[in-house]
PDB file of N, CA and C in Angstrom:
ATOM      1  N   UNK A   1       0.858  -1.212  -0.069  1.00  0.00           N
ATOM      2  CA  UNK A   1       0.042   0.058  -0.024  1.00  0.00           C
ATOM      3  C   UNK A   1       0.850   1.294  -0.082  1.00  0.00           C
ATOM      4  N   UNK A   2       0.680   2.179  -0.948  1.00  0.00           N
ATOM      5  CA  UNK A   2       1.418   3.439  -1.072  1.00  0.00           C
ATOM      6  C   UNK A   2       0.956   4.355  -0.049  1.00  0.00           C
ATOM      7  N   UNK A   3       1.996   5.074   0.665  1.00  0.00           N
ATOM      8  CA  UNK A   3       1.766   5.978   1.747  1.00  0.00           C
ATOM      9  C   UNK A   3       1.112   7.272   1.111  1.00  0.00           C
ATOM     10  N   UNK A   4       0.242   7.774   1.783  1.00  0.00           N
ATOM     11  CA  UNK A   4      -0.388   9.092   1.328  1.00  0.00           C
ATOM     12  C   UNK A   4       0.321  10.320   2.163  1.00  0.00           C
ATOM     13  N   UNK A   5       1.292   9.987   2.880  1.00  0.00           N
ATOM     14  CA  UNK A   5       1.887  10.924   3.709  1.00  0.00           C
ATOM     15  C   UNK A   5       2.415  12.082   2.799  1.00  0.00           C
ATOM     16  N   UNK A   6       2.319  13.351   3.325  1.00  0.00           N
ATOM     17  CA  UNK A   6       2.761  14.473   2.537  1.00  0.00           C
ATOM     18  C   UNK A   6       3.569  15.282   3.478  1.00  0.00           C
ATOM     19  N   UNK A   7       5.066  15.058   3.356  1.00  0.00           N
ATOM     20  CA  UNK A   7       5.863  15.773   4.437  1.00  0.00           C
ATOM     21  C   UNK A   7       5.855  17.212   4.130  1.00  0.00           C
ATOM     22  N   UNK A   8       5.966  17.835   5.262  1.00  0.00           N
ATOM     23  CA  UNK A   8       6.286  19.289   5.404  1.00  0.00           C
ATOM     24  C   UNK A   8       7.746  19.603   5.120  1.00  0.00           C
ATOM     25  N   UNK A   9       7.884  20.486   4.124  1.00  0.00           N
ATOM     26  CA  UNK A   9       9.279  20.818   3.721  1.00  0.00           C
ATOM     27  C   UNK A   9       9.427  22.321   3.679  1.00  0.00           C
ATOM     28  N   UNK A  10      10.658  22.702   3.468  1.00  0.00           N
ATOM     29  CA  UNK A  10      11.083  24.141   3.114  1.00  0.00           C
ATOM     30  C   UNK A  10      11.769  24.090   1.908  1.00  0.00           C
ATOM     31  N   UNK A  11      12.368  25.068   1.361  1.00  0.00           N
ATOM     32  CA  UNK A  11      12.949  25.222   0.113  1.00  0.00           C
ATOM     33  C   UNK A  11      14.260  24.347   0.120  1.00  0.00           C
ATOM     34  N   UNK A  12      14.926  24.328   1.190  1.00  0.00           N
ATOM     35  CA  UNK A  12      16.168  23.518   1.245  1.00  0.00           C
ATOM     36  C   UNK A  12      16.019  22.050   1.044  1.00  0.00           C
ATOM     37  N   UNK A  13      14.882  21.556   1.417  1.00  0.00           N
ATOM     38  CA  UNK A  13      14.626  20.104   1.521  1.00  0.00           C
ATOM     39  C   UNK A  13      13.989  19.672   0.141  1.00  0.00           C
ATOM     40  N   UNK A  14      13.549  20.512  -0.765  1.00  0.00           N
ATOM     41  CA  UNK A  14      12.849  20.262  -2.047  1.00  0.00           C
ATOM     42  C   UNK A  14      13.610  19.110  -2.772  1.00  0.00           C
ATOM     43  N   UNK A  15      14.872  19.395  -2.991  1.00  0.00           N
ATOM     44  CA  UNK A  15      15.788  18.482  -3.863  1.00  0.00           C
ATOM     45  C   UNK A  15      15.685  17.108  -3.357  1.00  0.00           C
ATOM     46  N   UNK A  16      15.466  16.906  -2.114  1.00  0.00           N
ATOM     47  CA  UNK A  16      15.435  15.550  -1.508  1.00  0.00           C
ATOM     48  C   UNK A  16      14.098  14.759  -1.706  1.00  0.00           C
ATOM     49  N   UNK A  17      13.136  15.583  -2.247  1.00  0.00           N
ATOM     50  CA  UNK A  17      11.711  14.916  -2.460  1.00  0.00           C
ATOM     51  C   UNK A  17      11.292  15.011  -3.952  1.00  0.00           C
ATOM     52  N   UNK A  18      12.176  15.103  -4.879  1.00  0.00           N
ATOM     53  CA  UNK A  18      11.753  15.047  -6.223  1.00  0.00           C
ATOM     54  C   UNK A  18      10.833  13.889  -6.558  1.00  0.00           C
ATOM     55  N   UNK A  19       9.716  14.139  -7.231  1.00  0.00           N
ATOM     56  CA  UNK A  19       8.788  13.183  -7.562  1.00  0.00           C
ATOM     57  C   UNK A  19       7.752  12.878  -6.530  1.00  0.00           C
ATOM     58  N   UNK A  20       7.926  13.411  -5.325  1.00  0.00           N
ATOM     59  CA  UNK A  20       7.072  13.117  -4.196  1.00  0.00           C
ATOM     60  C   UNK A  20       6.169  14.325  -3.901  1.00  0.00           C
ATOM     61  N   UNK A  21       4.953  14.070  -3.292  1.00  0.00           N
ATOM     62  CA  UNK A  21       4.035  15.227  -2.922  1.00  0.00           C
ATOM     63  C   UNK A  21       4.494  15.635  -1.552  1.00  0.00           C
ATOM     64  N   UNK A  22       4.487  16.986  -1.414  1.00  0.00           N
ATOM     65  CA  UNK A  22       4.924  17.593  -0.150  1.00  0.00           C
ATOM     66  C   UNK A  22       3.880  18.802   0.178  1.00  0.00           C
ATOM     67  N   UNK A  23       4.132  19.302   1.349  1.00  0.00           N
ATOM     68  CA  UNK A  23       3.543  20.458   1.765  1.00  0.00           C
ATOM     69  C   UNK A  23       4.540  21.516   1.963  1.00  0.00           C
ATOM     70  N   UNK A  24       4.370  22.801   1.652  1.00  0.00           N
ATOM     71  CA  UNK A  24       5.116  23.893   1.633  1.00  0.00           C
ATOM     72  C   UNK A  24       4.430  25.216   2.089  1.00  0.00           C
ATOM     73  N   UNK A  25       5.015  25.844   2.922  1.00  0.00           N
ATOM     74  CA  UNK A  25       4.359  27.208   3.259  1.00  0.00           C
ATOM     75  C   UNK A  25       5.306  28.287   2.825  1.00  0.00           C
ATOM     76  N   UNK A  26       4.648  29.422   2.413  1.00  0.00           N
ATOM     77  CA  UNK A  26       5.477  30.623   2.160  1.00  0.00           C
ATOM     78  C   UNK A  26       4.683  31.805   1.710  1.00  0.00           C
ATOM     79  N   UNK A  27       5.346  32.790   1.224  1.00  0.00           N
ATOM     80  CA  UNK A  27       4.608  34.099   0.902  1.00  0.00           C
ATOM     81  C   UNK A  27       4.807  34.304  -0.578  1.00  0.00           C
ATOM     82  N   UNK A  28       3.684  34.649  -1.297  1.00  0.00           N
ATOM     83  CA  UNK A  28       3.762  34.907  -2.715  1.00  0.00           C
ATOM     84  C   UNK A  28       4.538  36.231  -2.909  1.00  0.00           C
ATOM     85  N   UNK A  29       5.536  35.957  -3.886  1.00  0.00           N
ATOM     86  CA  UNK A  29       6.394  36.950  -4.195  1.00  0.00           C
ATOM     87  C   UNK A  29       5.801  37.763  -5.578  1.00  0.00           C
ATOM     88  N   UNK A  30       5.475  36.903  -6.553  1.00  0.00           N
ATOM     89  CA  UNK A  30       4.951  37.440  -7.794  1.00  0.00           C
ATOM     90  C   UNK A  30       4.124  36.347  -8.384  1.00  0.00           C
ATOM     91  N   UNK A  31       3.157  36.637  -9.240  1.00  0.00           N
ATOM     92  CA  UNK A  31       2.349  35.835 -10.048  1.00  0.00           C
ATOM     93  C   UNK A  31       2.612  36.102 -11.518  1.00  0.00           C
ATOM     94  N   UNK A  32       2.901  35.020 -12.264  1.00  0.00           N
ATOM     95  CA  UNK A  32       3.141  35.018 -13.618  1.00  0.00           C
ATOM     96  C   UNK A  32       1.875  35.645 -14.313  1.00  0.00           C
ATOM     97  N   UNK A  33       2.113  36.531 -15.374  1.00  0.00           N
ATOM     98  CA  UNK A  33       1.100  37.325 -15.933  1.00  0.00           C
ATOM     99  C   UNK A  33      -0.065  36.478 -16.453  1.00  0.00           C
ATOM    100  N   UNK A  34      -0.052  35.316 -16.872  1.00  0.00           N
ATOM    101  CA  UNK A  34      -0.987  34.502 -17.378  1.00  0.00           C
ATOM    102  C   UNK A  34      -1.743  33.632 -16.277  1.00  0.00           C
ATOM    103  N   UNK A  35      -1.089  33.825 -15.064  1.00  0.00           N
ATOM    104  CA  UNK A  35      -1.680  33.172 -13.830  1.00  0.00           C
ATOM    105  C   UNK A  35      -1.396  31.641 -13.880  1.00  0.00           C
ATOM    106  N   UNK A  36      -0.435  31.105 -14.587  1.00  0.00           N
ATOM    107  CA  UNK A  36      -0.141  29.860 -14.610  1.00  0.00           C
ATOM    108  C   UNK A  36       0.896  29.287 -13.630  1.00  0.00           C
ATOM    109  N   UNK A  37       1.581  30.390 -12.997  1.00  0.00           N
ATOM    110  CA  UNK A  37       2.630  29.983 -11.972  1.00  0.00           C
ATOM    111  C   UNK A  37       2.710  31.261 -11.060  1.00  0.00           C
ATOM    112  N   UNK A  38       3.294  30.943  -9.975  1.00  0.00           N
ATOM    113  CA  UNK A  38       3.710  32.090  -9.024  1.00  0.00           C
ATOM    114  C   UNK A  38       5.080  31.709  -8.341  1.00  0.00           C
ATOM    115  N   UNK A  39       5.668  32.684  -7.885  1.00  0.00           N
ATOM    116  CA  UNK A  39       6.921  32.514  -7.183  1.00  0.00           C
ATOM    117  C   UNK A  39       6.664  32.762  -5.631  1.00  0.00           C
ATOM    118  N   UNK A  40       7.132  31.862  -4.882  1.00  0.00           N
ATOM    119  CA  UNK A  40       6.935  31.846  -3.390  1.00  0.00           C
ATOM    120  C   UNK A  40       8.194  31.964  -2.660  1.00  0.00           C
ATOM    121  N   UNK A  41       8.212  32.724  -1.563  1.00  0.00           N
ATOM    122  CA  UNK A  41       9.360  32.765  -0.633  1.00  0.00           C
ATOM    123  C   UNK A  41       9.040  31.796   0.395  1.00  0.00           C
ATOM    124  N   UNK A  42       9.723  30.668   0.455  1.00  0.00           N
ATOM    125  CA  UNK A  42       9.532  29.710   1.440  1.00  0.00           C
ATOM    126  C   UNK A  42       9.895  30.012   2.840  1.00  0.00           C
ATOM    127  N   UNK A  43       9.598  29.281   3.801  1.00  0.00           N
ATOM    128  CA  UNK A  43       9.772  29.661   5.248  1.00  0.00           C
ATOM    129  C   UNK A  43      11.313  29.853   5.494  1.00  0.00           C
ATOM    130  N   UNK A  44      12.210  29.197   4.722  1.00  0.00           N
ATOM    131  CA  UNK A  44      13.657  29.376   4.867  1.00  0.00           C
ATOM    132  C   UNK A  44      14.268  30.423   3.788  1.00  0.00           C
ATOM    133  N   UNK A  45      13.391  31.259   3.261  1.00  0.00           N
ATOM    134  CA  UNK A  45      13.873  32.284   2.338  1.00  0.00           C
ATOM    135  C   UNK A  45      14.347  31.743   1.016  1.00  0.00           C
ATOM    136  N   UNK A  46      14.052  30.585   0.505  1.00  0.00           N
ATOM    137  CA  UNK A  46      14.245  30.089  -0.793  1.00  0.00           C
ATOM    138  C   UNK A  46      13.133  30.553  -1.748  1.00  0.00           C
ATOM    139  N   UNK A  47      13.430  30.926  -3.000  1.00  0.00           N
ATOM    140  CA  UNK A  47      12.495  31.251  -3.980  1.00  0.00           C
ATOM    141  C   UNK A  47      12.045  29.891  -4.671  1.00  0.00           C
ATOM    142  N   UNK A  48      10.825  29.624  -4.644  1.00  0.00           N
ATOM    143  CA  UNK A  48      10.330  28.378  -5.251  1.00  0.00           C
ATOM    144  C   UNK A  48       9.225  28.793  -6.324  1.00  0.00           C
ATOM    145  N   UNK A  49       9.354  28.213  -7.555  1.00  0.00           N
ATOM    146  CA  UNK A  49       8.293  28.466  -8.560  1.00  0.00           C
ATOM    147  C   UNK A  49       7.151  27.375  -8.500  1.00  0.00           C
ATOM    148  N   UNK A  50       6.013  27.777  -8.271  1.00  0.00           N
ATOM    149  CA  UNK A  50       4.794  26.947  -8.141  1.00  0.00           C
ATOM    150  C   UNK A  50       4.105  26.939  -9.505  1.00  0.00           C
ATOM    151  N   UNK A  51       4.048  25.863 -10.209  1.00  0.00           N
ATOM    152  CA  UNK A  51       3.285  25.743 -11.381  1.00  0.00           C
ATOM    153  C   UNK A  51       1.857  25.304 -11.308  1.00  0.00           C
ATOM    154  N   UNK A  52       0.965  25.917 -11.860  1.00  0.00           N
ATOM    155  CA  UNK A  52      -0.516  25.634 -11.553  1.00  0.00           C
ATOM    156  C   UNK A  52      -1.049  24.747 -12.557  1.00  0.00           C
ATOM    157  N   UNK A  53      -1.809  23.785 -12.381  1.00  0.00           N
ATOM    158  CA  UNK A  53      -2.528  23.018 -13.390  1.00  0.00           C
ATOM    159  C   UNK A  53      -3.631  23.756 -14.075  1.00  0.00           C
ATOM    160  N   UNK A  54      -4.218  24.601 -13.483  1.00  0.00           N
ATOM    161  CA  UNK A  54      -5.118  25.560 -14.222  1.00  0.00           C
ATOM    162  C   UNK A  54      -4.749  27.010 -13.730  1.00  0.00           C
ATOM    163  N   UNK A  55      -5.032  27.947 -14.665  1.00  0.00           N
ATOM    164  CA  UNK A  55      -4.566  29.343 -14.293  1.00  0.00           C
ATOM    165  C   UNK A  55      -5.451  29.896 -13.114  1.00  0.00           C
ATOM    166  N   UNK A  56      -4.810  30.783 -12.500  1.00  0.00           N
ATOM    167  CA  UNK A  56      -5.486  31.494 -11.366  1.00  0.00           C
ATOM    168  C   UNK A  56      -6.764  32.298 -11.905  1.00  0.00           C
ATOM    169  N   UNK A  57      -7.833  32.372 -11.228  1.00  0.00           N
ATOM    170  CA  UNK A  57      -9.000  33.112 -11.623  1.00  0.00           C
ATOM    171  C   UNK A  57      -9.173  34.244 -10.763  1.00  0.00           C
ATOM    172  N   UNK A  58      -8.354  34.428  -9.598  1.00  0.00           N
ATOM    173  CA  UNK A  58      -8.510  35.496  -8.701  1.00  0.00           C
ATOM    174  C   UNK A  58      -7.026  35.910  -8.212  1.00  0.00           C
ATOM    175  N   UNK A  59      -6.964  37.107  -7.732  1.00  0.00           N
ATOM    176  CA  UNK A  59      -5.446  37.482  -7.288  1.00  0.00           C
ATOM    177  C   UNK A  59      -5.101  36.639  -6.101  1.00  0.00           C
ATOM    178  N   UNK A  60      -3.804  36.351  -6.182  1.00  0.00           N
ATOM    179  CA  UNK A  60      -3.075  35.548  -5.078  1.00  0.00           C
ATOM    180  C   UNK A  60      -2.016  36.318  -4.506  1.00  0.00           C
ATOM    181  N   UNK A  61      -2.164  36.573  -3.250  1.00  0.00           N
ATOM    182  CA  UNK A  61      -1.148  37.338  -2.483  1.00  0.00           C
ATOM    183  C   UNK A  61      -0.912  36.744  -1.019  1.00  0.00           C
ATOM    184  N   UNK A  62       0.151  37.195  -0.323  1.00  0.00           N
ATOM    185  CA  UNK A  62       0.259  36.750   1.054  1.00  0.00           C
ATOM    186  C   UNK A  62       0.727  35.484   1.245  1.00  0.00           C
ATOM    187  N   UNK A  63       0.342  34.910   2.370  1.00  0.00           N
ATOM    188  CA  UNK A  63       0.824  33.566   2.822  1.00  0.00           C
ATOM    189  C   UNK A  63      -0.006  32.405   2.351  1.00  0.00           C
ATOM    190  N   UNK A  64       0.496  31.400   1.781  1.00  0.00           N
ATOM    191  CA  UNK A  64      -0.180  30.197   1.131  1.00  0.00           C
ATOM    192  C   UNK A  64       0.551  28.919   1.647  1.00  0.00           C
ATOM    193  N   UNK A  65      -0.298  27.945   1.687  1.00  0.00           N
ATOM    194  CA  UNK A  65       0.048  26.622   1.881  1.00  0.00           C
ATOM    195  C   UNK A  65      -0.056  25.838   0.482  1.00  0.00           C
ATOM    196  N   UNK A  66       1.089  25.169   0.021  1.00  0.00           N
ATOM    197  CA  UNK A  66       0.891  24.415  -1.230  1.00  0.00           C
ATOM    198  C   UNK A  66       1.161  23.001  -0.949  1.00  0.00           C
ATOM    199  N   UNK A  67       0.359  22.298  -1.609  1.00  0.00           N
ATOM    200  CA  UNK A  67       0.397  20.820  -1.748  1.00  0.00           C
ATOM    201  C   UNK A  67       0.773  20.490  -3.108  1.00  0.00           C
ATOM    202  N   UNK A  68       1.872  19.862  -3.299  1.00  0.00           N
ATOM    203  CA  UNK A  68       2.174  19.488  -4.787  1.00  0.00           C
ATOM    204  C   UNK A  68       3.337  18.613  -4.917  1.00  0.00           C
ATOM    205  N   UNK A  69       3.661  18.298  -6.152  1.00  0.00           N
ATOM    206  CA  UNK A  69       4.688  17.315  -6.561  1.00  0.00           C
ATOM    207  C   UNK A  69       5.978  18.079  -6.856  1.00  0.00           C
ATOM    208  N   UNK A  70       7.098  17.701  -6.238  1.00  0.00           N
ATOM    209  CA  UNK A  70       8.327  18.376  -6.391  1.00  0.00           C
ATOM    210  C   UNK A  70       8.918  17.848  -7.725  1.00  0.00           C
ATOM    211  N   UNK A  71       9.268  18.891  -8.565  1.00  0.00           N
ATOM    212  CA  UNK A  71       9.755  18.673  -9.938  1.00  0.00           C
ATOM    213  C   UNK A  71      11.258  18.980 -10.095  1.00  0.00           C
ATOM    214  N   UNK A  72      11.705  19.745  -9.007  1.00  0.00           N
ATOM    215  CA  UNK A  72      13.164  20.049  -9.073  1.00  0.00           C
ATOM    216  C   UNK A  72      13.450  20.775  -7.780  1.00  0.00           C
ATOM    217  N   UNK A  73      14.669  21.140  -7.501  1.00  0.00           N
ATOM    218  CA  UNK A  73      14.934  21.748  -6.119  1.00  0.00           C
ATOM    219  C   UNK A  73      14.302  23.044  -5.917  1.00  0.00           C
ATOM    220  N   UNK A  74      13.882  23.725  -6.943  1.00  0.00           N
ATOM    221  CA  UNK A  74      13.012  25.013  -6.737  1.00  0.00           C
ATOM    222  C   UNK A  74      11.697  25.012  -7.418  1.00  0.00           C
ATOM    223  N   UNK A  75      11.194  23.919  -7.715  1.00  0.00           N
ATOM    224  CA  UNK A  75       9.999  23.837  -8.626  1.00  0.00           C
ATOM    225  C   UNK A  75       8.974  22.762  -8.024  1.00  0.00           C
ATOM    226  N   UNK A  76       7.775  23.270  -8.022  1.00  0.00           N
ATOM    227  CA  UNK A  76       6.703  22.350  -7.580  1.00  0.00           C
ATOM    228  C   UNK A  76       5.469  22.508  -8.523  1.00  0.00           C
ATOM    229  N   UNK A  77       4.902  21.395  -8.781  1.00  0.00           N
ATOM    230  CA  UNK A  77       3.618  21.456  -9.542  1.00  0.00           C
ATOM    231  C   UNK A  77       2.418  21.269  -8.425  1.00  0.00           C
ATOM    232  N   UNK A  78       1.678  22.309  -8.443  1.00  0.00           N
ATOM    233  CA  UNK A  78       0.788  22.537  -7.503  1.00  0.00           C
ATOM    234  C   UNK A  78      -0.710  21.537  -7.719  1.00  0.00           C
ATOM    235  N   UNK A  79      -0.826  20.804  -6.631  1.00  0.00           N
ATOM    236  CA  UNK A  79      -2.086  20.026  -6.675  1.00  0.00           C
ATOM    237  C   UNK A  79      -3.210  20.760  -6.033  1.00  0.00           C
ATOM    238  N   UNK A  80      -2.851  21.513  -5.057  1.00  0.00           N
ATOM    239  CA  UNK A  80      -3.771  22.420  -4.248  1.00  0.00           C
ATOM    240  C   UNK A  80      -3.123  23.441  -3.560  1.00  0.00           C
ATOM    241  N   UNK A  81      -3.697  24.664  -3.292  1.00  0.00           N
ATOM    242  CA  UNK A  81      -3.182  25.681  -2.524  1.00  0.00           C
ATOM    243  C   UNK A  81      -4.235  26.252  -1.780  1.00  0.00           C
ATOM    244  N   UNK A  82      -3.774  26.801  -0.624  1.00  0.00           N
ATOM    245  CA  UNK A  82      -4.745  27.480   0.341  1.00  0.00           C
ATOM    246  C   UNK A  82      -4.186  28.798   0.732  1.00  0.00           C
ATOM    247  N   UNK A  83      -4.944  29.846   0.322  1.00  0.00           N
ATOM    248  CA  UNK A  83      -4.392  31.176   0.627  1.00  0.00           C
ATOM    249  C   UNK A  83      -4.960  31.496   2.120  1.00  0.00           C
ATOM    250  N   UNK A  84      -3.893  31.696   3.039  1.00  0.00           N
ATOM    251  CA  UNK A  84      -4.184  32.033   4.375  1.00  0.00           C
ATOM    252  C   UNK A  84      -4.731  33.450   4.596  1.00  0.00           C
ATOM    253  N   UNK A  85      -5.963  33.559   5.293  1.00  0.00           N
ATOM    254  CA  UNK A  85      -6.562  34.944   5.261  1.00  0.00           C
ATOM    255  C   UNK A  85      -5.627  35.920   6.000  1.00  0.00           C
ATOM    256  N   UNK A  86      -5.588  37.121   5.692  1.00  0.00           N
ATOM    257  CA  UNK A  86      -4.764  38.240   6.155  1.00  0.00           C
ATOM    258  C   UNK A  86      -4.804  38.212   7.762  1.00  0.00           C
ATOM    259  N   UNK A  87      -6.052  38.145   8.344  1.00  0.00           N
ATOM    260  CA  UNK A  87      -6.058  38.208   9.736  1.00  0.00           C
ATOM    261  C   UNK A  87      -5.260  36.977  10.475  1.00  0.00           C
ATOM    262  N   UNK A  88      -5.298  35.799   9.884  1.00  0.00           N
ATOM    263  CA  UNK A  88      -4.504  34.788  10.394  1.00  0.00           C
ATOM    264  C   UNK A  88      -3.060  34.796   9.977  1.00  0.00           C
ATOM    265  N   UNK A  89      -2.877  35.269   8.799  1.00  0.00           N
ATOM    266  CA  UNK A  89      -1.355  35.450   8.341  1.00  0.00           C
ATOM    267  C   UNK A  89      -0.631  36.307   9.120  1.00  0.00           C
ATOM    268  N   UNK A  90      -1.317  37.411   9.715  1.00  0.00           N
ATOM    269  CA  UNK A  90      -0.634  38.479  10.517  1.00  0.00           C
ATOM    270  C   UNK A  90       0.040  37.835  11.695  1.00  0.00           C
ATOM    271  N   UNK A  91      -0.528  36.766  12.189  1.00  0.00           N
ATOM    272  CA  UNK A  91       0.121  36.154  13.448  1.00  0.00           C
ATOM    273  C   UNK A  91       0.769  34.928  13.216  1.00  0.00           C
ATOM    274  N   UNK A  92       0.860  34.461  11.882  1.00  0.00           N
ATOM    275  CA  UNK A  92       1.610  33.202  11.454  1.00  0.00           C
ATOM    276  C   UNK A  92       3.005  33.361  11.463  1.00  0.00           C
ATOM    277  N   UNK A  93       3.732  32.538  12.138  1.00  0.00           N
ATOM    278  CA  UNK A  93       5.111  32.528  12.429  1.00  0.00           C
ATOM    279  C   UNK A  93       5.960  31.534  11.310  1.00  0.00           C
ATOM    280  N   UNK A  94       6.309  32.087  10.282  1.00  0.00           N
ATOM    281  CA  UNK A  94       7.081  31.386   9.266  1.00  0.00           C
ATOM    282  C   UNK A  94       8.477  30.793   9.891  1.00  0.00           C
ATOM    283  N   UNK A  95       8.987  31.506  10.611  1.00  0.00           N
ATOM    284  CA  UNK A  95      10.269  31.085  11.298  1.00  0.00           C
ATOM    285  C   UNK A  95       9.962  29.757  12.157  1.00  0.00           C
ATOM    286  N   UNK A  96       8.899  29.737  12.848  1.00  0.00           N
ATOM    287  CA  UNK A  96       8.453  28.585  13.577  1.00  0.00           C
ATOM    288  C   UNK A  96       8.220  27.347  12.659  1.00  0.00           C
ATOM    289  N   UNK A  97       7.624  27.588  11.459  1.00  0.00           N
ATOM    290  CA  UNK A  97       7.374  26.672  10.454  1.00  0.00           C
ATOM    291  C   UNK A  97       8.709  26.019  10.061  1.00  0.00           C
ATOM    292  N   UNK A  98       9.634  26.960   9.828  1.00  0.00           N
ATOM    293  CA  UNK A  98      11.021  26.530   9.301  1.00  0.00           C
ATOM    294  C   UNK A  98      11.667  25.665  10.460  1.00  0.00           C
ATOM    295  N   UNK A  99      11.587  26.105  11.658  1.00  0.00           N
ATOM    296  CA  UNK A  99      12.285  25.328  12.708  1.00  0.00           C
ATOM    297  C   UNK A  99      11.496  23.888  12.933  1.00  0.00           C
ATOM    298  N   UNK A 100      10.177  23.862  12.652  1.00  0.00           N
ATOM    299  CA  UNK A 100       9.550  22.497  12.733  1.00  0.00           C
ATOM    300  C   UNK A 100      10.039  21.628  11.602  1.00  0.00           C
ATOM    301  N   UNK A 101      10.138  22.235  10.396  1.00  0.00           N
ATOM    302  CA  UNK A 101      10.589  21.404   9.264  1.00  0.00           C
ATOM    303  C   UNK A 101      11.965  20.826   9.482  1.00  0.00           C
ATOM    304  N   UNK A 102      12.921  21.691  10.077  1.00  0.00           N
ATOM    305  CA  UNK A 102      14.233  21.247  10.311  1.00  0.00           C
ATOM    306  C   UNK A 102      14.264  20.159  11.448  1.00  0.00           C
ATOM    307  N   UNK A 103      13.477  20.401  12.490  1.00  0.00           N
ATOM    308  CA  UNK A 103      13.367  19.373  13.588  1.00  0.00           C
ATOM    309  C   UNK A 103      12.798  18.071  12.950  1.00  0.00           C
ATOM    310  N   UNK A 104      11.778  18.086  12.130  1.00  0.00           N
ATOM    311  CA  UNK A 104      11.179  16.922  11.534  1.00  0.00           C
ATOM    312  C   UNK A 104      12.195  15.995  10.680  1.00  0.00           C
ATOM    313  N   UNK A 105      13.063  16.745   9.975  1.00  0.00           N
ATOM    314  CA  UNK A 105      13.959  16.131   9.132  1.00  0.00           C
ATOM    315  C   UNK A 105      15.259  15.822   9.477  1.00  0.00           C
ATOM    316  N   UNK A 106      15.538  16.405  10.715  1.00  0.00           N
ATOM    317  CA  UNK A 106      16.893  16.345  11.259  1.00  0.00           C
ATOM    318  C   UNK A 106      16.898  15.516  12.719  1.00  0.00           C
ATOM    319  N   UNK A 107      15.700  14.926  12.968  1.00  0.00           N
ATOM    320  CA  UNK A 107      15.634  14.001  14.238  1.00  0.00           C
ATOM    321  C   UNK A 107      15.201  12.735  13.927  1.00  0.00           C
ATOM    322  N   UNK A 108      15.760  11.831  14.495  1.00  0.00           N
ATOM    323  CA  UNK A 108      15.378  10.317  14.307  1.00  0.00           C
ATOM    324  C   UNK A 108      13.972  10.070  14.753  1.00  0.00           C
ATOM    325  N   UNK A 109      13.245   9.278  14.045  1.00  0.00           N
ATOM    326  CA  UNK A 109      11.820   9.028  14.386  1.00  0.00           C
ATOM    327  C   UNK A 109      11.759   8.255  15.724  1.00  0.00           C
ATOM    328  N   UNK A 110      11.367   9.010  16.727  1.00  0.00           N
ATOM    329  CA  UNK A 110      11.390   8.475  18.019  1.00  0.00           C
ATOM    330  C   UNK A 110      10.063   7.458  18.141  1.00  0.00           C
ATOM    331  N   UNK A 111       9.136   7.660  17.316  1.00  0.00           N
ATOM    332  CA  UNK A 111       7.954   6.864  17.285  1.00  0.00           C
ATOM    333  C   UNK A 111       7.964   5.495  16.594  1.00  0.00           C
ATOM    334  N   UNK A 112       9.019   5.409  15.879  1.00  0.00           N
ATOM    335  CA  UNK A 112       9.276   4.058  15.168  1.00  0.00           C
ATOM    336  C   UNK A 112       9.859   3.017  16.168  1.00  0.00           C
ATOM    337  N   UNK A 113       9.249   1.863  16.083  1.00  0.00           N
ATOM    338  CA  UNK A 113       9.748   0.800  16.862  1.00  0.00           C
ATOM    339  C   UNK A 113      11.121   0.353  16.575  1.00  0.00           C
ATOM    340  N   UNK A 114      12.001   0.148  17.493  1.00  0.00           N
ATOM    341  CA  UNK A 114      13.263  -0.365  17.313  1.00  0.00           C
ATOM    342  C   UNK A 114      13.312  -1.856  16.974  1.00  0.00           C
ATOM    343  N   UNK A 115      14.112  -2.099  15.976  1.00  0.00           N
ATOM    344  CA  UNK A 115      14.181  -3.442  15.408  1.00  0.00           C
ATOM    345  C   UNK A 115      15.052  -4.340  16.315  1.00  0.00           C
TER     346      UNK A 115
END
C-alpha cells in the first residue's frame, strides 16, 4: 500500500523529495502574468516556482500553503493551494514553521519501533 503521507518541507529540502508530494508554506512574491505559476518565498527564504494545473482566476497574495509534486530543487507542480486569510497570516510565524521542518527532518523518528 502506497503512503499518502505529505511531508512538510522548506525550500532547502525540496531537492530530496523530487517526484514526491509535499506541503510547503510561504509568501507569494509574484504571479506570472497568465496566472499559470507564481513565485513563493519559502519559510527558509528560498524562492520556489509553483506551477498551477489551471490558471488562477483571482488575485493571489500573502501567505499560502501549497500541496504539490516536487519537480526540481526549486519547482513544484501544485495539486492544491490554500491562501491564508490576512487576519490569520498576520500572526503566522514562518520562522516557527521552518524550525519545525528542520526538527522533523533532522531528528530520528522516536515513534518508530526499534528493530
